[in-house]
Amino acid sequence: MINHKLMLFSGNANPQLAEKIARYLKLKISGSRVARYPEGEVSVEIKEHVRGADVFLIQGTSPPSNENMMELLIMIDALKRASASRICAVIPYYGYGRQDRKNRPGVPITAKLIANLITAAGADRVLTIDLHAAQIQGFFDIPVDHLYAAPVLIKALKRIFPLSKRRKMTIVSPDVGGIKIADHFARDFRCPLAIVDKRRMGDSKTVVRNVIGDVKNRNILIVDDLISTGTSLANAARILQKKGAKDVYAVVTHPVLPGKAVENINQSPIKTLWVSDTIPLREDARRSPKIKTISVAPLLGEAINRIHADTPVSILFEYSEDPDKNQKPAKFPNRTKSNITQ
């Protein structure tokens, strides 16, 4: 068991989430300086003694992905050279996660390359949430704690949609790849499941073709792991309404939201989009009347606490891949009155 001092560090990717995690753990973010030289190179200085410490570095690789990735790698190297006993890279959003396979000639498997870089920099383990592809865990040669946001999101949404309303809902997966997590929501909500038949046309364009399942006269909750431009989500909402659906809601773990994504959501039939705070929202997203945030800070905070104490993380946060298991919803300490913000 590691009994060394627990220390938290944060890069510039998501300092708001880092502060929430620190408050949950009743700790302070340890001192460091992360800046840029005039030519744009990342400059890092660790300002506290970390020799023998159990260090958790909170730094996602959300946009700007390359900038945040270099910060992560250089901070890991700095902590390693300062003789930290163990370094856990806490990566709430794993950038390049969609480049997880060689689907045509001449393309890289960038998700594997990123895993190699993080390991080579000196990380001893990784903590992350909702990888776009579960097999990315196997790209690492160090331990990976892969958490699922579903229990946190479900708990929050159950407060918004009581059982009487959930009985009139249908959970919708926006594509075949998201069936497992959508089915988890459907079984927990005790409501039907439907699937949008979405086909990808090139790297960025998708076409919604049909809906598999009955959505007529039903309220809809679309469930997905991330939202990028919002076009697919908006188109899915439109076709669901054409099929007779009533109100359409959506819940997504990672709000990437580049370009005109927020405008696409605001102009869509979606009444409310709930997202987690794995990625900080842009100003226009924070102002949007449709976008609300559910914090995953207690989830990450409790996971950090358990990793430091060498106690099982899966006991609290395991997400069953087998929906037929009679598994109770995961529990975690809720030290705040509400994790939902406008």
Protein backbone atom coordinates (compact mmCIF):
# COMPACT_ATOMS: atom_id res chain seq x y z
CA MET A 1 0.00 0.00 0.00
CA ILE A 2 1.22 3.49 -0.88
CA ASN A 3 1.19 5.68 2.23
CA HIS A 4 2.85 8.67 0.62
CA LYS A 5 1.29 12.11 0.67
CA LEU A 6 -1.57 12.67 -1.78
CA MET A 7 -0.95 15.70 -3.99
CA LEU A 8 -3.12 17.19 -6.75
CA PHE A 9 -1.77 19.13 -9.72
CA SER A 10 -3.67 20.72 -12.58
CA GLY A 11 -2.82 21.90 -16.06
CA ASN A 12 -4.76 24.52 -17.99
CA ALA A 13 -7.25 22.17 -19.71
CA ASN A 14 -9.97 22.23 -17.04
CA PRO A 15 -8.98 24.11 -13.86
CA GLN A 16 -12.64 24.45 -12.82
CA LEU A 17 -13.08 20.68 -12.61
CA ALA A 18 -9.74 20.36 -10.82
CA GLU A 19 -10.88 22.83 -8.16
CA LYS A 20 -14.14 20.90 -7.65
CA ILE A 21 -12.20 17.66 -7.23
CA ALA A 22 -9.87 19.37 -4.73
CA ARG A 23 -12.86 20.64 -2.73
CA TYR A 24 -14.35 17.15 -2.68
CA LEU A 25 -11.08 15.74 -1.33
CA LYS A 26 -10.62 18.73 1.02
CA LEU A 27 -7.23 19.45 -0.52
CA LYS A 28 -5.62 22.31 -2.40
CA ILE A 29 -4.20 22.21 -5.90
CA SER A 30 -0.42 22.07 -5.47
CA GLY A 31 1.65 24.89 -6.90
CA SER A 32 2.96 24.77 -10.45
CA ARG A 33 3.56 27.17 -13.30
CA VAL A 34 2.42 26.24 -16.80
CA ALA A 35 3.13 28.98 -19.33
CA ARG A 36 4.37 29.55 -22.88
CA TYR A 37 7.69 30.79 -24.18
CA PRO A 38 7.42 33.58 -26.80
CA GLU A 39 7.75 31.01 -29.60
CA GLY A 40 4.82 29.03 -28.19
CA GLU A 41 6.68 26.17 -26.46
CA VAL A 42 5.20 24.93 -23.18
CA SER A 43 7.09 25.94 -20.03
CA VAL A 44 6.45 24.01 -16.79
CA GLU A 45 7.78 24.45 -13.25
CA ILE A 46 6.70 22.35 -10.27
CA LYS A 47 6.80 24.70 -7.27
CA GLU A 48 6.32 22.21 -4.43
CA HIS A 49 8.37 19.27 -3.21
CA VAL A 50 6.88 16.05 -4.60
CA ARG A 51 9.63 13.57 -3.67
CA GLY A 52 7.95 10.38 -2.50
CA ALA A 53 4.45 11.81 -3.09
CA ASP A 54 1.45 10.07 -4.67
CA VAL A 55 0.66 12.60 -7.40
CA PHE A 56 -2.57 12.96 -9.38
CA LEU A 57 -2.27 15.26 -12.37
CA ILE A 58 -5.66 16.50 -13.65
CA GLN A 59 -5.27 17.40 -17.31
CA GLY A 60 -7.67 16.38 -20.05
CA THR A 61 -6.81 16.49 -23.73
CA SER A 62 -9.86 18.37 -24.95
CA PRO A 63 -9.52 21.14 -27.57
CA PRO A 64 -7.03 22.61 -28.12
CA SER A 65 -6.00 18.95 -28.03
CA ASN A 66 -2.38 19.33 -29.09
CA GLU A 67 -1.71 22.15 -26.61
CA ASN A 68 -3.30 20.26 -23.73
CA MET A 69 -1.56 17.03 -24.70
CA MET A 70 1.87 18.69 -24.61
CA GLU A 71 1.08 20.22 -21.22
CA LEU A 72 0.14 16.78 -19.92
CA LEU A 73 3.31 15.11 -21.21
CA ILE A 74 5.66 17.86 -20.02
CA MET A 75 4.04 18.05 -16.58
CA ILE A 76 4.37 14.27 -16.19
CA ASP A 77 8.04 14.51 -17.12
CA ALA A 78 8.59 17.37 -14.66
CA LEU A 79 6.93 15.44 -11.83
CA LYS A 80 8.92 12.31 -12.66
CA ARG A 81 12.21 14.20 -12.62
CA ALA A 82 11.18 15.75 -9.29
CA SER A 83 11.04 12.18 -7.86
CA ALA A 84 7.30 11.74 -7.34
CA SER A 85 6.69 8.20 -6.07
CA ARG A 86 3.69 7.57 -8.35
CA ILE A 87 2.05 9.68 -11.04
CA CYS A 88 -1.56 9.10 -12.05
CA ALA A 89 -2.67 11.02 -15.13
CA VAL A 90 -6.30 12.01 -14.55
CA ILE A 91 -7.65 12.54 -18.08
CA PRO A 92 -11.38 13.33 -17.88
CA TYR A 93 -11.61 13.47 -21.69
CA TYR A 94 -9.21 11.37 -23.76
CA GLY A 95 -8.54 13.26 -26.99
CA TYR A 96 -7.87 11.36 -30.22
CA GLY A 97 -10.06 8.57 -28.83
CA ARG A 98 -12.04 8.32 -32.06
CA GLN A 99 -8.89 7.37 -33.96
CA ASP A 100 -8.81 3.93 -32.37
CA ARG A 101 -8.47 1.61 -35.39
CA LYS A 102 -7.03 1.36 -38.88
CA ASN A 103 -10.26 1.53 -40.87
CA ARG A 104 -8.64 2.20 -44.25
CA PRO A 105 -5.16 2.11 -45.76
CA GLY A 106 -2.71 4.84 -44.84
CA VAL A 107 -4.28 5.99 -41.56
CA PRO A 108 -2.67 5.82 -38.08
CA ILE A 109 -4.05 4.47 -34.82
CA THR A 110 -3.53 7.75 -33.00
CA ALA A 111 -5.25 6.67 -29.79
CA LYS A 112 -2.52 4.04 -29.38
CA LEU A 113 0.22 6.59 -30.14
CA ILE A 114 -1.14 8.91 -27.42
CA ALA A 115 -1.15 6.00 -24.95
CA ASN A 116 2.50 5.29 -25.79
CA LEU A 117 3.44 8.95 -25.28
CA ILE A 118 1.75 9.16 -21.88
CA THR A 119 3.50 5.98 -20.75
CA ALA A 120 6.88 7.09 -22.13
CA ALA A 121 6.56 10.46 -20.36
CA GLY A 122 6.50 8.64 -17.02
CA ALA A 123 2.87 8.13 -15.96
CA ASP A 124 2.35 5.11 -13.70
CA ARG A 125 -1.41 4.81 -14.23
CA VAL A 126 -4.32 6.58 -15.93
CA LEU A 127 -7.77 7.56 -14.68
CA THR A 128 -10.34 8.51 -17.31
CA ILE A 129 -14.08 8.64 -18.04
CA ASP A 130 -16.10 7.18 -20.93
CA LEU A 131 -13.45 6.33 -23.50
CA HIS A 132 -14.95 6.51 -26.98
CA ALA A 133 -13.83 2.91 -27.52
CA ALA A 134 -13.34 0.59 -24.55
CA GLN A 135 -10.44 -1.20 -26.24
CA ILE A 136 -8.28 1.91 -25.75
CA GLN A 137 -7.65 0.59 -22.23
CA GLY A 138 -5.62 -2.15 -23.85
CA PHE A 139 -3.44 0.37 -25.69
CA PHE A 140 -1.70 1.18 -22.39
CA ASP A 141 1.04 -0.87 -20.76
CA ILE A 142 0.18 0.69 -17.40
CA PRO A 143 -3.01 0.29 -15.29
CA VAL A 144 -6.07 2.20 -16.52
CA ASP A 145 -9.10 2.96 -14.35
CA HIS A 146 -11.92 3.50 -16.84
CA LEU A 147 -14.91 5.09 -15.12
CA TYR A 148 -18.41 5.43 -16.54
CA ALA A 149 -20.38 8.62 -16.13
CA ALA A 150 -23.70 6.77 -16.54
CA PRO A 151 -24.38 6.21 -12.80
CA VAL A 152 -23.79 9.91 -12.08
CA LEU A 153 -25.92 11.08 -15.01
CA ILE A 154 -28.72 8.62 -14.24
CA LYS A 155 -28.83 9.68 -10.59
CA ALA A 156 -29.12 13.35 -11.56
CA LEU A 157 -31.74 12.77 -14.25
CA LYS A 158 -33.89 10.63 -11.98
CA ARG A 159 -34.34 13.71 -9.81
CA ILE A 160 -35.59 15.58 -12.89
CA PHE A 161 -37.71 12.77 -14.33
CA PRO A 162 -39.65 10.89 -11.61
CA LEU A 163 -40.85 7.36 -12.31
CA SER A 164 -44.24 8.58 -13.58
CA LYS A 165 -42.48 10.58 -16.33
CA ARG A 166 -39.90 7.89 -17.07
CA ARG A 167 -42.70 5.44 -17.87
CA LYS A 168 -43.64 7.69 -20.79
CA MET A 169 -40.09 7.93 -22.11
CA THR A 170 -38.00 6.04 -24.64
CA ILE A 171 -34.20 5.97 -24.46
CA VAL A 172 -32.58 6.42 -27.87
CA SER A 173 -29.08 5.50 -28.99
CA PRO A 174 -27.94 7.82 -31.81
CA ASP A 175 -26.09 4.96 -33.51
CA VAL A 176 -25.38 1.24 -33.19
CA GLY A 177 -22.13 1.86 -31.30
CA GLY A 178 -23.94 3.46 -28.37
CA ILE A 179 -26.41 0.65 -27.74
CA LYS A 180 -24.74 -0.67 -24.57
CA ILE A 181 -24.80 2.59 -22.63
CA ALA A 182 -28.30 3.45 -23.93
CA ASP A 183 -29.54 0.03 -22.85
CA HIS A 184 -28.09 0.67 -19.38
CA PHE A 185 -30.15 3.88 -19.18
CA ALA A 186 -33.26 2.11 -20.53
CA ARG A 187 -33.09 -0.70 -17.99
CA ASP A 188 -32.41 1.69 -15.10
CA PHE A 189 -35.20 4.03 -16.24
CA ARG A 190 -37.48 1.00 -16.89
CA CYS A 191 -38.45 2.24 -20.32
CA PRO A 192 -38.10 1.09 -23.98
CA LEU A 193 -35.01 1.46 -26.15
CA ALA A 194 -34.80 2.70 -29.74
CA ILE A 195 -31.90 3.18 -32.16
CA VAL A 196 -31.26 5.81 -34.82
CA ASP A 197 -29.84 4.34 -38.03
CA LYS A 198 -26.98 6.75 -38.67
CA ARG A 199 -24.42 6.23 -41.42
CA ARG A 200 -21.10 8.06 -41.59
CA MET A 201 -20.29 9.60 -44.97
CA GLY A 202 -16.61 10.56 -44.80
CA ASP A 203 -14.74 11.85 -41.75
CA SER A 204 -17.21 14.49 -40.58
CA LYS A 205 -20.56 14.04 -42.35
CA THR A 206 -23.25 11.67 -41.14
CA VAL A 207 -26.68 10.87 -42.54
CA VAL A 208 -29.65 9.81 -40.38
CA ARG A 209 -31.69 7.26 -42.32
CA ASN A 210 -34.27 5.65 -40.05
CA VAL A 211 -35.38 4.90 -36.49
CA ILE A 212 -35.51 1.34 -35.16
CA GLY A 213 -38.13 1.11 -32.44
CA ASP A 214 -41.41 2.76 -31.51
CA VAL A 215 -41.09 6.43 -30.54
CA LYS A 216 -44.57 7.67 -31.45
CA ASN A 217 -46.20 9.73 -28.67
CA ARG A 218 -43.16 9.13 -26.45
CA ASN A 219 -40.82 11.60 -24.77
CA ILE A 220 -37.25 10.89 -25.85
CA LEU A 221 -33.89 10.88 -24.08
CA ILE A 222 -30.96 10.52 -26.50
CA VAL A 223 -27.86 9.10 -24.81
CA ASP A 224 -24.31 9.41 -26.19
CA ASP A 225 -20.70 9.56 -25.00
CA LEU A 226 -19.73 12.80 -26.76
CA ILE A 227 -21.08 15.62 -28.87
CA SER A 228 -18.92 17.37 -31.45
CA THR A 229 -20.61 19.66 -33.99
CA GLY A 230 -24.09 18.71 -32.79
CA THR A 231 -25.31 18.12 -36.36
CA SER A 232 -25.97 14.40 -35.88
CA LEU A 233 -27.76 14.98 -32.59
CA ALA A 234 -29.92 17.74 -34.06
CA ASN A 235 -30.78 15.61 -37.13
CA ALA A 236 -31.63 12.66 -34.90
CA ALA A 237 -34.00 14.86 -32.89
CA ARG A 238 -35.70 16.04 -36.07
CA ILE A 239 -36.26 12.56 -37.48
CA LEU A 240 -37.55 11.37 -34.09
CA GLN A 241 -40.15 14.13 -34.13
CA LYS A 242 -41.08 13.20 -37.70
CA LYS A 243 -41.70 9.69 -36.40
CA GLY A 244 -44.18 11.11 -33.88
CA ALA A 245 -42.02 11.67 -30.80
CA LYS A 246 -43.03 14.37 -28.33
CA ASP A 247 -40.35 16.21 -26.34
CA VAL A 248 -36.73 15.32 -27.15
CA TYR A 249 -33.96 15.57 -24.55
CA ALA A 250 -30.32 14.47 -24.70
CA VAL A 251 -27.55 13.58 -22.27
CA VAL A 252 -23.90 13.40 -23.32
CA THR A 253 -20.74 12.87 -21.27
CA HIS A 254 -18.18 14.92 -23.23
CA PRO A 255 -19.25 18.35 -24.65
CA VAL A 256 -16.58 19.02 -27.29
CA LEU A 257 -18.82 21.57 -29.09
CA PRO A 258 -16.51 23.14 -31.71
CA GLY A 259 -17.49 25.80 -34.26
CA LYS A 260 -21.26 26.29 -34.61
CA ALA A 261 -22.16 23.36 -32.38
CA VAL A 262 -23.99 25.46 -29.79
CA GLU A 263 -25.95 27.23 -32.54
CA ASN A 264 -26.91 23.82 -33.97
CA ILE A 265 -28.23 22.73 -30.58
CA ASN A 266 -30.09 25.98 -29.96
CA GLN A 267 -31.83 25.69 -33.34
CA SER A 268 -32.67 22.01 -32.91
CA PRO A 269 -35.86 20.47 -31.43
CA ILE A 270 -33.86 19.34 -28.37
CA LYS A 271 -35.45 20.87 -25.27
CA THR A 272 -32.53 20.26 -22.88
CA LEU A 273 -29.02 18.88 -23.37
CA TRP A 274 -27.28 17.68 -20.22
CA VAL A 275 -23.51 17.35 -20.36
CA SER A 276 -20.82 16.58 -17.81
CA ASP A 277 -17.96 18.92 -16.94
CA THR A 278 -15.17 16.69 -18.30
CA ILE A 279 -14.63 19.55 -20.79
CA PRO A 280 -15.14 23.21 -19.80
CA LEU A 281 -17.98 24.87 -21.70
CA ARG A 282 -17.32 27.82 -23.98
CA GLU A 283 -19.03 31.10 -23.17
CA ASP A 284 -21.80 30.62 -25.75
CA ALA A 285 -22.53 27.15 -24.35
CA ARG A 286 -22.73 28.53 -20.80
CA ARG A 287 -25.22 31.13 -22.02
CA SER A 288 -27.36 28.62 -23.90
CA PRO A 289 -30.77 28.09 -22.26
CA LYS A 290 -30.73 24.48 -23.47
CA ILE A 291 -27.38 23.26 -22.09
CA LYS A 292 -27.01 22.23 -18.45
CA THR A 293 -24.05 20.66 -16.66
CA ILE A 294 -23.87 17.66 -14.32
CA SER A 295 -20.58 17.53 -12.44
CA VAL A 296 -18.45 14.37 -12.36
CA ALA A 297 -16.10 15.86 -9.76
CA PRO A 298 -17.41 13.61 -6.93
CA LEU A 299 -16.90 10.57 -9.17
CA LEU A 300 -13.29 11.49 -9.98
CA GLY A 301 -12.62 12.65 -6.43
CA GLU A 302 -13.76 9.41 -4.87
CA ALA A 303 -11.82 7.41 -7.47
CA ILE A 304 -8.65 9.36 -6.64
CA ASN A 305 -9.24 8.75 -2.94
CA ARG A 306 -9.61 5.00 -3.52
CA ILE A 307 -6.61 4.71 -5.84
CA HIS A 308 -4.47 6.51 -3.26
CA ALA A 309 -5.70 4.14 -0.53
CA ASP A 310 -5.27 1.08 -2.80
CA THR A 311 -8.92 0.11 -2.36
CA PRO A 312 -11.17 -1.07 -5.21
CA VAL A 313 -12.55 1.57 -7.53
CA SER A 314 -14.90 -0.85 -9.26
CA ILE A 315 -16.97 -1.42 -6.12
CA LEU A 316 -18.32 2.12 -6.34
CA PHE A 317 -18.23 2.89 -10.02
CA GLU A 318 -18.41 -0.35 -11.98
CA TYR A 319 -20.62 -0.13 -15.03
CA SER A 320 -21.91 -3.56 -15.94
CA GLU A 321 -21.40 -4.51 -19.58
CA ASP A 322 -24.02 -7.20 -18.97
CA PRO A 323 -27.39 -5.46 -18.53
CA ASP A 324 -29.01 -8.74 -17.47
CA LYS A 325 -27.08 -8.70 -14.20
CA ASN A 326 -29.27 -7.74 -11.29
CA GLN A 327 -26.93 -4.92 -10.35
CA LYS A 328 -27.96 -2.02 -8.18
CA PRO A 329 -27.07 1.47 -9.45
CA ALA A 330 -23.58 2.49 -8.42
CA LYS A 331 -23.37 4.67 -5.32
CA PHE A 332 -20.89 7.33 -4.42
CA PRO A 333 -20.82 9.90 -1.65
CA ASN A 334 -22.79 13.03 -2.50
CA ARG A 335 -21.28 15.86 -0.52
CA THR A 336 -23.12 18.63 -2.31
CA LYS A 337 -26.80 19.50 -2.46
CA SER A 338 -26.80 19.47 -6.24
CA ASN A 339 -24.28 18.78 -8.97
CA ILE A 340 -26.44 20.33 -11.70
CA THR A 341 -25.75 23.85 -12.89
CA GLN A 342 -27.13 26.07 -15.63
